[in-house]
């Protein structure tokens, strides 16, 4: 019973101390200084980068490069798979190994 009274008393003291608190206010011109810092750190992109012609040509270049890499990789893997199969067959003495992968 005494413990509950002590807890309630401490809670009341804590709530009473919070009653006089005011909202914190920033220094004058805080928001303008913050805006300036953000603009300096994150400089806007040049205007030509945002033009649709530049964006479409950039995307087309990425697609062409991806297709080139895919074609080149697929050609290399076809020959290397057959070579790997033949090397495996020779290594383990398999004369009738099917290399149609």
C-alpha atoms as a PDB file:
ATOM      1  CA  UNK A   1       0.000   0.000   0.000  1.00  0.00           C
ATOM      2  CA  UNK A   2       2.838   2.365   0.876  1.00  0.00           C
ATOM      3  CA  UNK A   3       4.570   1.495  -2.386  1.00  0.00           C
ATOM      4  CA  UNK A   4       1.532   2.454  -4.436  1.00  0.00           C
ATOM      5  CA  UNK A   5       1.316   5.802  -2.630  1.00  0.00           C
ATOM      6  CA  UNK A   6       5.006   6.499  -3.297  1.00  0.00           C
ATOM      7  CA  UNK A   7       4.643   5.585  -6.965  1.00  0.00           C
ATOM      8  CA  UNK A   8       1.587   7.806  -7.311  1.00  0.00           C
ATOM      9  CA  UNK A   9       3.383  10.689  -5.575  1.00  0.00           C
ATOM     10  CA  UNK A  10       6.398  10.398  -7.904  1.00  0.00           C
ATOM     11  CA  UNK A  11       4.091  10.270 -10.926  1.00  0.00           C
ATOM     12  CA  UNK A  12       2.313  13.431  -9.790  1.00  0.00           C
ATOM     13  CA  UNK A  13       5.638  15.238  -9.253  1.00  0.00           C
ATOM     14  CA  UNK A  14       6.795  14.254 -12.732  1.00  0.00           C
ATOM     15  CA  UNK A  15       3.578  15.422 -14.387  1.00  0.00           C
ATOM     16  CA  UNK A  16       3.677  18.691 -12.432  1.00  0.00           C
ATOM     17  CA  UNK A  17       7.213  19.385 -13.637  1.00  0.00           C
ATOM     18  CA  UNK A  18       6.086  18.934 -17.241  1.00  0.00           C
ATOM     19  CA  UNK A  19       3.308  21.518 -16.911  1.00  0.00           C
ATOM     20  CA  UNK A  20       5.589  24.560 -17.292  1.00  0.00           C
ATOM     21  CA  UNK A  21       7.502  23.355 -20.344  1.00  0.00           C
ATOM     22  CA  UNK A  22       7.255  25.493 -23.490  1.00  0.00           C
ATOM     23  CA  UNK A  23       7.835  24.416 -27.059  1.00  0.00           C
ATOM     24  CA  UNK A  24      11.440  24.762 -28.198  1.00  0.00           C
ATOM     25  CA  UNK A  25      11.991  27.504 -30.763  1.00  0.00           C
ATOM     26  CA  UNK A  26      14.793  27.465 -33.354  1.00  0.00           C
ATOM     27  CA  UNK A  27      17.265  30.309 -33.757  1.00  0.00           C
ATOM     28  CA  UNK A  28      16.281  33.096 -36.137  1.00  0.00           C
ATOM     29  CA  UNK A  29      16.610  32.258 -39.852  1.00  0.00           C
ATOM     30  CA  UNK A  30      17.033  28.538 -39.102  1.00  0.00           C
ATOM     31  CA  UNK A  31      14.928  27.400 -42.044  1.00  0.00           C
ATOM     32  CA  UNK A  32      16.679  29.669 -44.556  1.00  0.00           C
ATOM     33  CA  UNK A  33      20.086  28.413 -43.409  1.00  0.00           C
ATOM     34  CA  UNK A  34      18.853  24.824 -43.632  1.00  0.00           C
ATOM     35  CA  UNK A  35      17.545  25.394 -47.163  1.00  0.00           C
ATOM     36  CA  UNK A  36      20.864  26.917 -48.221  1.00  0.00           C
ATOM     37  CA  UNK A  37      22.837  23.966 -46.848  1.00  0.00           C
ATOM     38  CA  UNK A  38      20.567  21.485 -48.592  1.00  0.00           C
ATOM     39  CA  UNK A  39      20.892  23.307 -51.914  1.00  0.00           C
ATOM     40  CA  UNK A  40      24.680  23.356 -51.607  1.00  0.00           C
ATOM     41  CA  UNK A  41      24.880  19.661 -50.761  1.00  0.00           C
ATOM     42  CA  UNK A  42      22.359  18.420 -53.298  1.00  0.00           C
ATOM     43  CA  UNK A  43      23.018  20.584 -56.322  1.00  0.00           C
ATOM     44  CA  UNK A  44      20.317  20.342 -59.004  1.00  0.00           C
ATOM     45  CA  UNK A  45      21.035  18.373 -62.170  1.00  0.00           C
ATOM     46  CA  UNK A  46      21.912  20.209 -65.366  1.00  0.00           C
ATOM     47  CA  UNK A  47      18.839  20.995 -67.433  1.00  0.00           C
ATOM     48  CA  UNK A  48      19.912  18.964 -70.483  1.00  0.00           C
ATOM     49  CA  UNK A  49      19.827  15.786 -68.376  1.00  0.00           C
ATOM     50  CA  UNK A  50      16.109  16.204 -67.777  1.00  0.00           C
ATOM     51  CA  UNK A  51      15.176  16.556 -71.453  1.00  0.00           C
ATOM     52  CA  UNK A  52      13.197  13.630 -72.887  1.00  0.00           C
ATOM     53  CA  UNK A  53      15.585  13.169 -75.824  1.00  0.00           C
ATOM     54  CA  UNK A  54      18.509  12.667 -73.462  1.00  0.00           C
ATOM     55  CA  UNK A  55      16.566  10.299 -71.228  1.00  0.00           C
ATOM     56  CA  UNK A  56      15.364   8.131 -74.131  1.00  0.00           C
ATOM     57  CA  UNK A  57      18.797   7.987 -75.742  1.00  0.00           C
ATOM     58  CA  UNK A  58      20.358   7.036 -72.413  1.00  0.00           C
ATOM     59  CA  UNK A  59      17.815   4.254 -71.884  1.00  0.00           C
ATOM     60  CA  UNK A  60      18.340   3.012 -75.458  1.00  0.00           C
ATOM     61  CA  UNK A  61      22.101   2.911 -74.859  1.00  0.00           C
ATOM     62  CA  UNK A  62      21.602   0.842 -71.702  1.00  0.00           C
ATOM     63  CA  UNK A  63      19.313  -1.611 -73.526  1.00  0.00           C
ATOM     64  CA  UNK A  64      21.774  -2.002 -76.425  1.00  0.00           C
ATOM     65  CA  UNK A  65      24.659  -2.625 -74.036  1.00  0.00           C
ATOM     66  CA  UNK A  66      22.638  -5.231 -72.132  1.00  0.00           C
ATOM     67  CA  UNK A  67      21.680  -7.023 -75.345  1.00  0.00           C
ATOM     68  CA  UNK A  68      25.305  -7.028 -76.500  1.00  0.00           C
ATOM     69  CA  UNK A  69      26.482  -8.543 -73.242  1.00  0.00           C
ATOM     70  CA  UNK A  70      23.730 -11.175 -73.316  1.00  0.00           C
ATOM     71  CA  UNK A  71      24.543 -12.218 -76.895  1.00  0.00           C
ATOM     72  CA  UNK A  72      28.271 -12.379 -76.232  1.00  0.00           C
ATOM     73  CA  UNK A  73      27.790 -14.371 -73.019  1.00  0.00           C
ATOM     74  CA  UNK A  74      25.418 -16.850 -74.644  1.00  0.00           C
ATOM     75  CA  UNK A  75      27.895 -17.498 -77.483  1.00  0.00           C
ATOM     76  CA  UNK A  76      30.722 -18.124 -75.039  1.00  0.00           C
ATOM     77  CA  UNK A  77      28.725 -20.517 -72.886  1.00  0.00           C
ATOM     78  CA  UNK A  78      27.646 -22.687 -75.827  1.00  0.00           C
ATOM     79  CA  UNK A  79      31.214 -23.404 -76.858  1.00  0.00           C
ATOM     80  CA  UNK A  80      32.507 -23.728 -73.329  1.00  0.00           C
ATOM     81  CA  UNK A  81      29.767 -26.209 -72.350  1.00  0.00           C
ATOM     82  CA  UNK A  82      30.753 -28.537 -75.189  1.00  0.00           C
ATOM     83  CA  UNK A  83      34.424 -28.173 -74.311  1.00  0.00           C
ATOM     84  CA  UNK A  84      33.711 -28.863 -70.653  1.00  0.00           C
ATOM     85  CA  UNK A  85      31.692 -31.959 -71.530  1.00  0.00           C
ATOM     86  CA  UNK A  86      34.475 -33.303 -73.765  1.00  0.00           C
ATOM     87  CA  UNK A  87      37.104 -32.599 -71.117  1.00  0.00           C
ATOM     88  CA  UNK A  88      34.969 -34.388 -68.524  1.00  0.00           C
ATOM     89  CA  UNK A  89      34.526 -37.403 -70.816  1.00  0.00           C
ATOM     90  CA  UNK A  90      38.251 -37.626 -71.522  1.00  0.00           C
ATOM     91  CA  UNK A  91      39.144 -37.214 -67.858  1.00  0.00           C
ATOM     92  CA  UNK A  92      36.945 -40.101 -66.719  1.00  0.00           C
ATOM     93  CA  UNK A  93      37.451 -42.299 -69.780  1.00  0.00           C
ATOM     94  CA  UNK A  94      33.886 -42.042 -71.051  1.00  0.00           C
ATOM     95  CA  UNK A  95      33.971 -42.676 -74.787  1.00  0.00           C
ATOM     96  CA  UNK A  96      30.227 -42.482 -75.457  1.00  0.00           C
ATOM     97  CA  UNK A  97      29.445 -39.247 -73.635  1.00  0.00           C
ATOM     98  CA  UNK A  98      26.522 -37.306 -75.099  1.00  0.00           C
ATOM     99  CA  UNK A  99      27.628 -33.682 -75.680  1.00  0.00           C
ATOM    100  CA  UNK A 100      24.289 -32.382 -76.905  1.00  0.00           C
ATOM    101  CA  UNK A 101      23.691 -29.978 -74.037  1.00  0.00           C
END
